Protein backbone atom coordinates (compact mmCIF):
# COMPACT_ATOMS: atom_id res chain seq x y z
CA MET A 1 120.94 126.36 98.21
CA LEU A 2 120.24 124.29 101.32
CA THR A 3 122.43 124.78 104.36
CA ALA A 4 123.13 121.94 106.78
CA PRO A 5 120.31 122.90 109.21
CA SER A 6 117.78 123.41 106.42
CA LEU A 7 118.85 120.14 104.80
CA ALA A 8 118.28 118.35 108.11
CA ALA A 9 114.85 119.98 108.36
CA ALA A 10 114.04 118.87 104.80
CA ASP A 11 115.09 115.29 105.64
CA ALA A 12 112.97 115.33 108.81
CA SER A 13 110.00 116.68 106.88
CA ALA A 14 110.32 113.95 104.23
CA ALA A 15 110.63 111.27 106.92
CA TYR A 16 107.53 112.63 108.67
CA GLU A 17 105.51 112.49 105.45
CA ASN A 18 106.36 108.78 105.09
CA LEU A 19 104.98 107.89 108.53
CA SER A 20 101.63 106.18 109.03
CA ALA A 21 98.74 108.26 110.36
CA ASP A 22 99.12 106.70 113.83
CA ALA A 23 102.85 107.40 113.91
CA LYS A 24 102.17 111.02 112.92
CA LEU A 25 99.85 111.31 115.93
CA VAL A 26 102.68 110.17 118.19
CA VAL A 27 105.08 112.70 116.66
CA GLN A 28 102.54 115.52 116.96
CA ALA A 29 101.73 114.70 120.58
CA THR A 30 105.43 114.52 121.43
CA ASN A 31 106.12 117.87 119.80
CA GLU A 32 103.18 119.46 121.65
CA ALA A 33 104.33 118.00 124.97
CA PHE A 34 107.79 119.49 124.51
CA GLY A 35 106.54 122.86 123.25
CA GLY A 36 107.79 122.59 119.69
CA GLU A 37 110.00 120.63 117.36
CA ILE A 38 112.56 118.29 118.88
CA CYS A 39 115.48 116.57 117.23
CA GLU A 40 115.36 113.04 115.83
CA ASN A 41 117.60 111.56 118.54
CA GLU A 42 115.38 112.93 121.31
CA LEU A 43 112.35 111.53 119.51
CA LYS A 44 113.96 108.09 119.30
CA VAL A 45 114.66 108.09 123.04
CA ILE A 46 111.09 109.14 123.85
CA HIS A 47 109.56 106.55 121.56
CA LYS A 48 111.85 103.85 122.92
CA LYS A 49 110.51 104.64 126.40
CA VAL A 50 106.93 104.51 125.08
CA PHE A 51 107.65 101.07 123.64
CA GLU A 52 109.20 99.86 126.91
CA ILE A 53 106.18 101.03 128.91
CA THR A 54 103.72 99.51 126.42
CA ASN A 55 105.60 96.23 126.42
CA ALA A 56 105.67 96.10 130.23
CA LEU A 57 101.92 96.79 130.41
CA ARG A 58 101.23 94.17 127.75
CA LYS A 59 103.08 91.56 129.82
CA THR A 60 100.79 92.31 132.78
CA GLY A 61 97.74 91.60 130.61
CA ALA A 62 96.54 95.18 131.08
CA PHE A 63 95.60 95.57 127.42
CA GLN A 64 92.70 93.53 126.12
CA GLY A 65 90.86 93.84 122.80
CA GLN A 66 90.63 97.20 121.02
CA GLY A 67 92.46 99.20 123.69
CA TYR A 68 95.57 97.09 123.31
CA TYR A 69 95.60 97.26 119.52
CA GLY A 70 95.01 101.02 119.49
CA LEU A 71 97.99 101.64 121.74
CA GLU A 72 100.07 99.11 119.83
CA ALA A 73 99.40 101.00 116.58
CA ARG A 74 100.54 104.23 118.21
CA THR A 75 103.84 102.63 119.25
CA TYR A 76 104.67 101.44 115.73
CA TYR A 77 107.19 104.23 115.23
CA SER A 78 108.87 103.43 118.56
CA ARG A 79 109.52 99.88 117.33
CA ARG A 80 111.04 101.25 114.13
CA CYS A 81 113.36 103.51 116.17
CA ARG A 82 114.42 100.59 118.35
CA ASP A 83 115.34 98.54 115.28
CA PHE A 84 117.79 101.23 114.14
CA GLU A 85 119.75 101.36 117.41
């Protein structure tokens, strides 16, 4: 039988498996930067900040061609998080 914490972990695992490859890279890098697994709410805050920084840089014209699109793909999950707030 699943307890509340293990149920939450199962939900998080299922959500992770549904992410795109680029979004998984963002999650993995975030987990590595924080030394392990972090909760969903913390992840949403971090990815919201990534989106804000990316958007600000885009407005300056800093991203041109492939570099811009590569970073934009990696911020896909941050846009999804923002839509749920």
